[in-house]
Structure formats: C-alpha cells, structure tokens
C-alpha cells in the first residue's frame, strides 16, 4: 500500500513539474512574441502555406504507411511461393 502511495506521489510531482515547465515556456514565447515587431502580410501567407503543406505531407506519408502495412508490403521477404496459412 505504501509503495502505491509513493508511486502516486511521484506521478503527481512529475506532472506538476512538467506543467510548470509548460507554463514557463508559454510565458517566455508570449513575451518574446510581444517584444518583436509584426511580420509583413506576405510572410504570414508564406508561413501559412508552408504549415498547410507540411500537414498535407505528414498526413500523406502516414496514409502511405498504413496502406503499405495493409497490402503486405512490409512483410519480410521469403523464398517459399506458397501463401501463409
């Protein structure tokens, strides 16, 4: 019983430490963002298009991975032409 309490306490301490780091990182990013000058519109458009393209490429590669797995292309090579049972 004591071991479970210690494990639970460690879990909460780790969660609190990670949450504190997240809050610190968000605060730092927001302060740097407010301190810099705004970007011109064309840079925002380029950044948006690049983000969309990266998302599409990521989704496409993930879909290809699942397609390849379902079609059996990821199976190891074997010399026996008979199908597996």
PDB file of N, CA and C in Angstrom:
ATOM      1  N   UNK A   1       0.815  -1.187   0.000  1.00  0.00           N
ATOM      2  CA  UNK A   1       0.000   0.000   0.000  1.00  0.00           C
ATOM      3  C   UNK A   1       0.863   1.256   0.000  1.00  0.00           C
ATOM      4  N   UNK A   2       1.921   1.268   0.797  1.00  0.00           N
ATOM      5  CA  UNK A   2       2.809   2.424   0.875  1.00  0.00           C
ATOM      6  C   UNK A   2       3.511   2.662  -0.456  1.00  0.00           C
ATOM      7  N   UNK A   3       3.867   1.578  -1.126  1.00  0.00           N
ATOM      8  CA  UNK A   3       4.538   1.701  -2.428  1.00  0.00           C
ATOM      9  C   UNK A   3       3.636   2.382  -3.445  1.00  0.00           C
ATOM     10  N   UNK A   4       2.350   2.066  -3.415  1.00  0.00           N
ATOM     11  CA  UNK A   4       1.390   2.690  -4.330  1.00  0.00           C
ATOM     12  C   UNK A   4       1.254   4.180  -4.039  1.00  0.00           C
ATOM     13  N   UNK A   5       1.283   4.560  -2.774  1.00  0.00           N
ATOM     14  CA  UNK A   5       1.170   5.978  -2.412  1.00  0.00           C
ATOM     15  C   UNK A   5       2.400   6.745  -2.887  1.00  0.00           C
ATOM     16  N   UNK A   6       3.574   6.149  -2.713  1.00  0.00           N
ATOM     17  CA  UNK A   6       4.809   6.792  -3.169  1.00  0.00           C
ATOM     18  C   UNK A   6       4.795   6.938  -4.686  1.00  0.00           C
ATOM     19  N   UNK A   7       4.362   5.893  -5.394  1.00  0.00           N
ATOM     20  CA  UNK A   7       4.301   5.941  -6.851  1.00  0.00           C
ATOM     21  C   UNK A   7       3.321   7.023  -7.304  1.00  0.00           C
ATOM     22  N   UNK A   8       2.175   7.113  -6.629  1.00  0.00           N
ATOM     23  CA  UNK A   8       1.182   8.116  -6.976  1.00  0.00           C
ATOM     24  C   UNK A   8       1.716   9.521  -6.700  1.00  0.00           C
ATOM     25  N   UNK A   9       2.422   9.692  -5.588  1.00  0.00           N
ATOM     26  CA  UNK A   9       3.002  10.995  -5.257  1.00  0.00           C
ATOM     27  C   UNK A   9       4.053  11.393  -6.286  1.00  0.00           C
ATOM     28  N   UNK A  10       4.891  10.461  -6.672  1.00  0.00           N
ATOM     29  CA  UNK A  10       5.904  10.750  -7.704  1.00  0.00           C
ATOM     30  C   UNK A  10       5.238  11.126  -9.026  1.00  0.00           C
ATOM     31  N   UNK A  11       4.158  10.447  -9.354  1.00  0.00           N
ATOM     32  CA  UNK A  11       3.433  10.752 -10.585  1.00  0.00           C
ATOM     33  C   UNK A  11       2.914  12.183 -10.551  1.00  0.00           C
ATOM     34  N   UNK A  12       2.332  12.590  -9.428  1.00  0.00           N
ATOM     35  CA  UNK A  12       1.806  13.950  -9.314  1.00  0.00           C
ATOM     36  C   UNK A  12       2.922  14.984  -9.310  1.00  0.00           C
ATOM     37  N   UNK A  13       4.048  14.677  -8.673  1.00  0.00           N
ATOM     38  CA  UNK A  13       5.175  15.611  -8.677  1.00  0.00           C
ATOM     39  C   UNK A  13       5.746  15.794 -10.082  1.00  0.00           C
ATOM     40  N   UNK A  14       5.862  14.703 -10.819  1.00  0.00           N
ATOM     41  CA  UNK A  14       6.340  14.784 -12.195  1.00  0.00           C
ATOM     42  C   UNK A  14       5.365  15.579 -13.051  1.00  0.00           C
ATOM     43  N   UNK A  15       4.082  15.329 -12.884  1.00  0.00           N
ATOM     44  CA  UNK A  15       3.071  16.071 -13.637  1.00  0.00           C
ATOM     45  C   UNK A  15       3.116  17.559 -13.312  1.00  0.00           C
ATOM     46  N   UNK A  16       3.283  17.891 -12.046  1.00  0.00           N
ATOM     47  CA  UNK A  16       3.362  19.302 -11.646  1.00  0.00           C
ATOM     48  C   UNK A  16       4.600  19.971 -12.221  1.00  0.00           C
ATOM     49  N   UNK A  17       5.733  19.260 -12.213  1.00  0.00           N
ATOM     50  CA  UNK A  17       6.966  19.823 -12.764  1.00  0.00           C
ATOM     51  C   UNK A  17       6.830  20.053 -14.268  1.00  0.00           C
ATOM     52  N   UNK A  18       6.248  19.103 -14.967  1.00  0.00           N
ATOM     53  CA  UNK A  18       6.062  19.265 -16.409  1.00  0.00           C
ATOM     54  C   UNK A  18       5.071  20.377 -16.719  1.00  0.00           C
ATOM     55  N   UNK A  19       4.021  20.500 -15.924  1.00  0.00           N
ATOM     56  CA  UNK A  19       3.059  21.582 -16.122  1.00  0.00           C
ATOM     57  C   UNK A  19       3.720  22.942 -15.875  1.00  0.00           C
ATOM     58  N   UNK A  20       4.579  23.026 -14.861  1.00  0.00           N
ATOM     59  CA  UNK A  20       5.290  24.273 -14.592  1.00  0.00           C
ATOM     60  C   UNK A  20       6.225  24.631 -15.745  1.00  0.00           C
ATOM     61  N   UNK A  21       6.901  23.645 -16.308  1.00  0.00           N
ATOM     62  CA  UNK A  21       7.761  23.903 -17.474  1.00  0.00           C
ATOM     63  C   UNK A  21       6.949  24.361 -18.678  1.00  0.00           C
ATOM     64  N   UNK A  22       5.774  23.777 -18.864  1.00  0.00           N
ATOM     65  CA  UNK A  22       4.915  24.198 -19.974  1.00  0.00           C
ATOM     66  C   UNK A  22       4.468  25.635 -19.795  1.00  0.00           C
ATOM     67  N   UNK A  23       4.047  25.995 -18.593  1.00  0.00           N
ATOM     68  CA  UNK A  23       3.619  27.376 -18.327  1.00  0.00           C
ATOM     69  C   UNK A  23       4.783  28.336 -18.543  1.00  0.00           C
ATOM     70  N   UNK A  24       5.963  27.975 -18.090  1.00  0.00           N
ATOM     71  CA  UNK A  24       7.142  28.813 -18.278  1.00  0.00           C
ATOM     72  C   UNK A  24       7.466  28.993 -19.761  1.00  0.00           C
ATOM     73  N   UNK A  25       7.397  27.938 -20.526  1.00  0.00           N
ATOM     74  CA  UNK A  25       7.688  28.017 -21.961  1.00  0.00           C
ATOM     75  C   UNK A  25       6.661  28.881 -22.684  1.00  0.00           C
ATOM     76  N   UNK A  26       5.386  28.732 -22.344  1.00  0.00           N
ATOM     77  CA  UNK A  26       4.343  29.550 -22.976  1.00  0.00           C
ATOM     78  C   UNK A  26       4.527  31.014 -22.604  1.00  0.00           C
ATOM     79  N   UNK A  27       4.835  31.296 -21.337  1.00  0.00           N
ATOM     80  CA  UNK A  27       5.063  32.673 -20.910  1.00  0.00           C
ATOM     81  C   UNK A  27       6.247  33.281 -21.665  1.00  0.00           C
ATOM     82  N   UNK A  28       7.344  32.534 -21.798  1.00  0.00           N
ATOM     83  CA  UNK A  28       8.518  33.038 -22.500  1.00  0.00           C
ATOM     84  C   UNK A  28       8.207  33.313 -23.973  1.00  0.00           C
ATOM     85  N   UNK A  29       7.513  32.370 -24.616  1.00  0.00           N
ATOM     86  CA  UNK A  29       7.170  32.563 -26.034  1.00  0.00           C
ATOM     87  C   UNK A  29       6.270  33.781 -26.223  1.00  0.00           C
ATOM     88  N   UNK A  30       5.312  33.951 -25.329  1.00  0.00           N
ATOM     89  CA  UNK A  30       4.409  35.102 -25.441  1.00  0.00           C
ATOM     90  C   UNK A  30       5.165  36.409 -25.220  1.00  0.00           C
ATOM     91  N   UNK A  31       6.091  36.435 -24.285  1.00  0.00           N
ATOM     92  CA  UNK A  31       6.834  37.673 -24.037  1.00  0.00           C
ATOM     93  C   UNK A  31       7.744  38.016 -25.212  1.00  0.00           C
ATOM     94  N   UNK A  32       8.381  37.024 -25.805  1.00  0.00           N
ATOM     95  CA  UNK A  32       9.229  37.286 -26.979  1.00  0.00           C
ATOM     96  C   UNK A  32       8.372  37.722 -28.161  1.00  0.00           C
ATOM     97  N   UNK A  33       7.205  37.103 -28.321  1.00  0.00           N
ATOM     98  CA  UNK A  33       6.306  37.442 -29.420  1.00  0.00           C
ATOM     99  C   UNK A  33       5.837  38.886 -29.302  1.00  0.00           C
ATOM    100  N   UNK A  34       5.530  39.329 -28.093  1.00  0.00           N
ATOM    101  CA  UNK A  34       5.068  40.704 -27.894  1.00  0.00           C
ATOM    102  C   UNK A  34       6.201  41.713 -28.064  1.00  0.00           C
ATOM    103  N   UNK A  35       7.444  41.304 -27.833  1.00  0.00           N
ATOM    104  CA  UNK A  35       8.579  42.222 -27.910  1.00  0.00           C
ATOM    105  C   UNK A  35       9.056  42.453 -29.340  1.00  0.00           C
ATOM    106  N   UNK A  36       8.723  41.559 -30.260  1.00  0.00           N
ATOM    107  CA  UNK A  36       9.202  41.702 -31.636  1.00  0.00           C
ATOM    108  C   UNK A  36       8.186  42.460 -32.475  1.00  0.00           C
ATOM    109  N   UNK A  37       8.661  43.003 -33.575  1.00  0.00           N
ATOM    110  CA  UNK A  37       7.771  43.741 -34.475  1.00  0.00           C
ATOM    111  C   UNK A  37       6.959  42.751 -35.311  1.00  0.00           C
ATOM    112  N   UNK A  38       5.770  43.136 -35.752  1.00  0.00           N
ATOM    113  CA  UNK A  38       4.932  42.219 -36.535  1.00  0.00           C
ATOM    114  C   UNK A  38       5.521  41.951 -37.920  1.00  0.00           C
ATOM    115  N   UNK A  39       5.216  40.769 -38.444  1.00  0.00           N
ATOM    116  CA  UNK A  39       5.704  40.399 -39.770  1.00  0.00           C
ATOM    117  C   UNK A  39       4.805  41.015 -40.837  1.00  0.00           C
ATOM    118  N   UNK A  40       5.361  41.287 -42.027  1.00  0.00           N
ATOM    119  CA  UNK A  40       4.520  41.744 -43.131  1.00  0.00           C
ATOM    120  C   UNK A  40       3.552  40.645 -43.573  1.00  0.00           C
ATOM    121  N   UNK A  41       2.511  41.035 -44.283  1.00  0.00           N
ATOM    122  CA  UNK A  41       1.461  40.097 -44.686  1.00  0.00           C
ATOM    123  C   UNK A  41       2.000  38.970 -45.554  1.00  0.00           C
ATOM    124  N   UNK A  42       2.896  39.256 -46.489  1.00  0.00           N
ATOM    125  CA  UNK A  42       3.379  38.203 -47.375  1.00  0.00           C
ATOM    126  C   UNK A  42       4.127  37.116 -46.598  1.00  0.00           C
ATOM    127  N   UNK A  43       4.805  37.482 -45.517  1.00  0.00           N
ATOM    128  CA  UNK A  43       5.496  36.471 -44.717  1.00  0.00           C
ATOM    129  C   UNK A  43       4.504  35.590 -43.960  1.00  0.00           C
ATOM    130  N   UNK A  44       3.425  36.191 -43.504  1.00  0.00           N
ATOM    131  CA  UNK A  44       2.390  35.398 -42.839  1.00  0.00           C
ATOM    132  C   UNK A  44       1.743  34.423 -43.815  1.00  0.00           C
ATOM    133  N   UNK A  45       1.532  34.866 -45.052  1.00  0.00           N
ATOM    134  CA  UNK A  45       0.945  33.988 -46.072  1.00  0.00           C
ATOM    135  C   UNK A  45       1.895  32.825 -46.378  1.00  0.00           C
ATOM    136  N   UNK A  46       3.164  33.128 -46.534  1.00  0.00           N
ATOM    137  CA  UNK A  46       4.153  32.077 -46.803  1.00  0.00           C
ATOM    138  C   UNK A  46       4.212  31.093 -45.643  1.00  0.00           C
ATOM    139  N   UNK A  47       4.197  31.601 -44.421  1.00  0.00           N
ATOM    140  CA  UNK A  47       4.225  30.736 -43.243  1.00  0.00           C
ATOM    141  C   UNK A  47       2.983  29.852 -43.179  1.00  0.00           C
ATOM    142  N   UNK A  48       1.819  30.400 -43.504  1.00  0.00           N
ATOM    143  CA  UNK A  48       0.583  29.616 -43.504  1.00  0.00           C
ATOM    144  C   UNK A  48       0.588  28.533 -44.569  1.00  0.00           C
ATOM    145  N   UNK A  49       1.049  28.878 -45.767  1.00  0.00           N
ATOM    146  CA  UNK A  49       1.109  27.895 -46.852  1.00  0.00           C
ATOM    147  C   UNK A  49       2.095  26.781 -46.500  1.00  0.00           C
ATOM    148  N   UNK A  50       3.227  27.133 -45.916  1.00  0.00           N
ATOM    149  CA  UNK A  50       4.204  26.121 -45.523  1.00  0.00           C
ATOM    150  C   UNK A  50       3.633  25.200 -44.449  1.00  0.00           C
ATOM    151  N   UNK A  51       2.882  25.752 -43.503  1.00  0.00           N
ATOM    152  CA  UNK A  51       2.288  24.922 -42.452  1.00  0.00           C
ATOM    153  C   UNK A  51       1.264  23.957 -43.040  1.00  0.00           C
ATOM    154  N   UNK A  52       0.449  24.431 -43.968  1.00  0.00           N
ATOM    155  CA  UNK A  52      -0.546  23.562 -44.603  1.00  0.00           C
ATOM    156  C   UNK A  52       0.138  22.466 -45.408  1.00  0.00           C
ATOM    157  N   UNK A  53       1.183  22.815 -46.158  1.00  0.00           N
ATOM    158  CA  UNK A  53       1.905  21.811 -46.943  1.00  0.00           C
ATOM    159  C   UNK A  53       2.559  20.758 -46.045  1.00  0.00           C
ATOM    160  N   UNK A  54       3.135  21.165 -44.941  1.00  0.00           N
ATOM    161  CA  UNK A  54       3.738  20.200 -44.021  1.00  0.00           C
ATOM    162  C   UNK A  54       2.676  19.275 -43.435  1.00  0.00           C
ATOM    163  N   UNK A  55       1.497  19.804 -43.139  1.00  0.00           N
ATOM    164  CA  UNK A  55       0.406  18.979 -42.629  1.00  0.00           C
ATOM    165  C   UNK A  55      -0.041  17.973 -43.683  1.00  0.00           C
ATOM    166  N   UNK A  56      -0.200  18.416 -44.919  1.00  0.00           N
ATOM    167  CA  UNK A  56      -0.629  17.524 -46.005  1.00  0.00           C
ATOM    168  C   UNK A  56       0.417  16.436 -46.245  1.00  0.00           C
ATOM    169  N   UNK A  57       1.686  16.802 -46.236  1.00  0.00           N
ATOM    170  CA  UNK A  57       2.743  15.808 -46.433  1.00  0.00           C
ATOM    171  C   UNK A  57       2.745  14.798 -45.293  1.00  0.00           C
ATOM    172  N   UNK A  58       2.592  15.253 -44.072  1.00  0.00           N
ATOM    173  CA  UNK A  58       2.556  14.349 -42.931  1.00  0.00           C
ATOM    174  C   UNK A  58       1.387  13.384 -42.998  1.00  0.00           C
ATOM    175  N   UNK A  59       0.203  13.897 -43.352  1.00  0.00           N
ATOM    176  CA  UNK A  59      -0.977  13.033 -43.482  1.00  0.00           C
ATOM    177  C   UNK A  59      -0.780  12.041 -44.620  1.00  0.00           C
ATOM    178  N   UNK A  60      -0.220  12.503 -45.722  1.00  0.00           N
ATOM    179  CA  UNK A  60       0.013  11.619 -46.858  1.00  0.00           C
ATOM    180  C   UNK A  60       0.997  10.505 -46.547  1.00  0.00           C
ATOM    181  N   UNK A  61       2.084  10.830 -45.873  1.00  0.00           N
ATOM    182  CA  UNK A  61       3.055   9.799 -45.522  1.00  0.00           C
ATOM    183  C   UNK A  61       2.488   8.801 -44.516  1.00  0.00           C
ATOM    184  N   UNK A  62       1.684   9.289 -43.584  1.00  0.00           N
ATOM    185  CA  UNK A  62       1.046   8.383 -42.640  1.00  0.00           C
ATOM    186  C   UNK A  62       0.062   7.463 -43.353  1.00  0.00           C
ATOM    187  N   UNK A  63      -0.698   8.002 -44.291  1.00  0.00           N
ATOM    188  CA  UNK A  63      -1.630   7.182 -45.058  1.00  0.00           C
ATOM    189  C   UNK A  63      -0.883   6.132 -45.878  1.00  0.00           C
ATOM    190  N   UNK A  64       0.235   6.508 -46.484  1.00  0.00           N
ATOM    191  CA  UNK A  64       1.033   5.535 -47.230  1.00  0.00           C
ATOM    192  C   UNK A  64       1.575   4.438 -46.327  1.00  0.00           C
ATOM    193  N   UNK A  65       1.939   4.802 -45.107  1.00  0.00           N
ATOM    194  CA  UNK A  65       2.436   3.800 -44.169  1.00  0.00           C
ATOM    195  C   UNK A  65       1.346   2.780 -43.844  1.00  0.00           C
ATOM    196  N   UNK A  66       0.127   3.248 -43.565  1.00  0.00           N
ATOM    197  CA  UNK A  66      -0.968   2.328 -43.268  1.00  0.00           C
ATOM    198  C   UNK A  66      -1.349   1.505 -44.498  1.00  0.00           C
ATOM    199  N   UNK A  67      -1.341   2.120 -45.681  1.00  0.00           N
ATOM    200  CA  UNK A  67      -1.653   1.398 -46.918  1.00  0.00           C
ATOM    201  C   UNK A  67      -0.635   0.292 -47.160  1.00  0.00           C
ATOM    202  N   UNK A  68       0.643   0.623 -46.985  1.00  0.00           N
ATOM    203  CA  UNK A  68       1.704  -0.355 -47.196  1.00  0.00           C
ATOM    204  C   UNK A  68       1.573  -1.526 -46.232  1.00  0.00           C
ATOM    205  N   UNK A  69       1.233  -1.231 -45.000  1.00  0.00           N
ATOM    206  CA  UNK A  69       1.093  -2.294 -44.000  1.00  0.00           C
ATOM    207  C   UNK A  69      -0.079  -3.206 -44.324  1.00  0.00           C
ATOM    208  N   UNK A  70      -1.189  -2.629 -44.752  1.00  0.00           N
ATOM    209  CA  UNK A  70      -2.385  -3.437 -45.048  1.00  0.00           C
ATOM    210  C   UNK A  70      -2.219  -4.277 -46.311  1.00  0.00           C
ATOM    211  N   UNK A  71      -1.449  -3.798 -47.275  1.00  0.00           N
ATOM    212  CA  UNK A  71      -1.247  -4.549 -48.512  1.00  0.00           C
ATOM    213  C   UNK A  71      -0.158  -5.603 -48.387  1.00  0.00           C
ATOM    214  N   UNK A  72       0.551  -5.626 -47.271  1.00  0.00           N
ATOM    215  CA  UNK A  72       1.559  -6.660 -47.055  1.00  0.00           C
ATOM    216  C   UNK A  72       2.926  -6.320 -47.585  1.00  0.00           C
ATOM    217  N   UNK A  73       3.149  -5.072 -47.968  1.00  0.00           N
ATOM    218  CA  UNK A  73       4.465  -4.691 -48.480  1.00  0.00           C
ATOM    219  C   UNK A  73       5.528  -4.655 -47.389  1.00  0.00           C
ATOM    220  N   UNK A  74       5.121  -4.639 -46.142  1.00  0.00           N
ATOM    221  CA  UNK A  74       6.071  -4.584 -45.037  1.00  0.00           C
ATOM    222  C   UNK A  74       6.453  -5.970 -44.520  1.00  0.00           C
ATOM    223  N   UNK A  75       5.926  -7.009 -45.114  1.00  0.00           N
ATOM    224  CA  UNK A  75       6.256  -8.369 -44.684  1.00  0.00           C
ATOM    225  C   UNK A  75       7.679  -8.692 -45.098  1.00  0.00           C
ATOM    226  N   UNK A  76       8.372  -9.522 -44.325  1.00  0.00           N
ATOM    227  CA  UNK A  76       9.742  -9.896 -44.712  1.00  0.00           C
ATOM    228  C   UNK A  76       9.744 -10.744 -45.986  1.00  0.00           C
ATOM    229  N   UNK A  77      10.811 -10.651 -46.744  1.00  0.00           N
ATOM    230  CA  UNK A  77      10.940 -11.421 -47.973  1.00  0.00           C
ATOM    231  C   UNK A  77      11.082 -12.902 -47.636  1.00  0.00           C
ATOM    232  N   UNK A  78      10.496 -13.760 -48.476  1.00  0.00           N
ATOM    233  CA  UNK A  78      10.625 -15.213 -48.280  1.00  0.00           C
ATOM    234  C   UNK A  78      10.676 -15.879 -49.641  1.00  0.00           C
ATOM    235  N   UNK A  79      11.331 -16.999 -49.713  1.00  0.00           N
ATOM    236  CA  UNK A  79      11.515 -17.673 -50.986  1.00  0.00           C
ATOM    237  C   UNK A  79      10.414 -18.693 -51.259  1.00  0.00           C
ATOM    238  N   UNK A  80       9.611 -19.037 -50.265  1.00  0.00           N
ATOM    239  CA  UNK A  80       8.538 -20.016 -50.446  1.00  0.00           C
ATOM    240  C   UNK A  80       7.346 -19.324 -51.131  1.00  0.00           C
ATOM    241  N   UNK A  81       6.970 -19.752 -52.364  1.00  0.00           N
ATOM    242  CA  UNK A  81       5.891 -19.068 -53.081  1.00  0.00           C
ATOM    243  C   UNK A  81       4.495 -19.395 -52.547  1.00  0.00           C
ATOM    244  N   UNK A  82       4.378 -20.393 -51.686  1.00  0.00           N
ATOM    245  CA  UNK A  82       3.063 -20.754 -51.159  1.00  0.00           C
ATOM    246  C   UNK A  82       2.564 -19.703 -50.173  1.00  0.00           C
ATOM    247  N   UNK A  83       1.285 -19.396 -50.199  1.00  0.00           N
ATOM    248  CA  UNK A  83       0.758 -18.409 -49.248  1.00  0.00           C
ATOM    249  C   UNK A  83       0.790 -18.936 -47.824  1.00  0.00           C
ATOM    250  N   UNK A  84       0.889 -18.028 -46.896  1.00  0.00           N
ATOM    251  CA  UNK A  84       0.883 -18.418 -45.479  1.00  0.00           C
ATOM    252  C   UNK A  84      -0.503 -18.807 -45.057  1.00  0.00           C
ATOM    253  N   UNK A  85      -0.564 -19.618 -44.035  1.00  0.00           N
ATOM    254  CA  UNK A  85      -1.870 -20.063 -43.507  1.00  0.00           C
ATOM    255  C   UNK A  85      -2.247 -19.243 -42.304  1.00  0.00           C
TER     256      UNK A  85
END
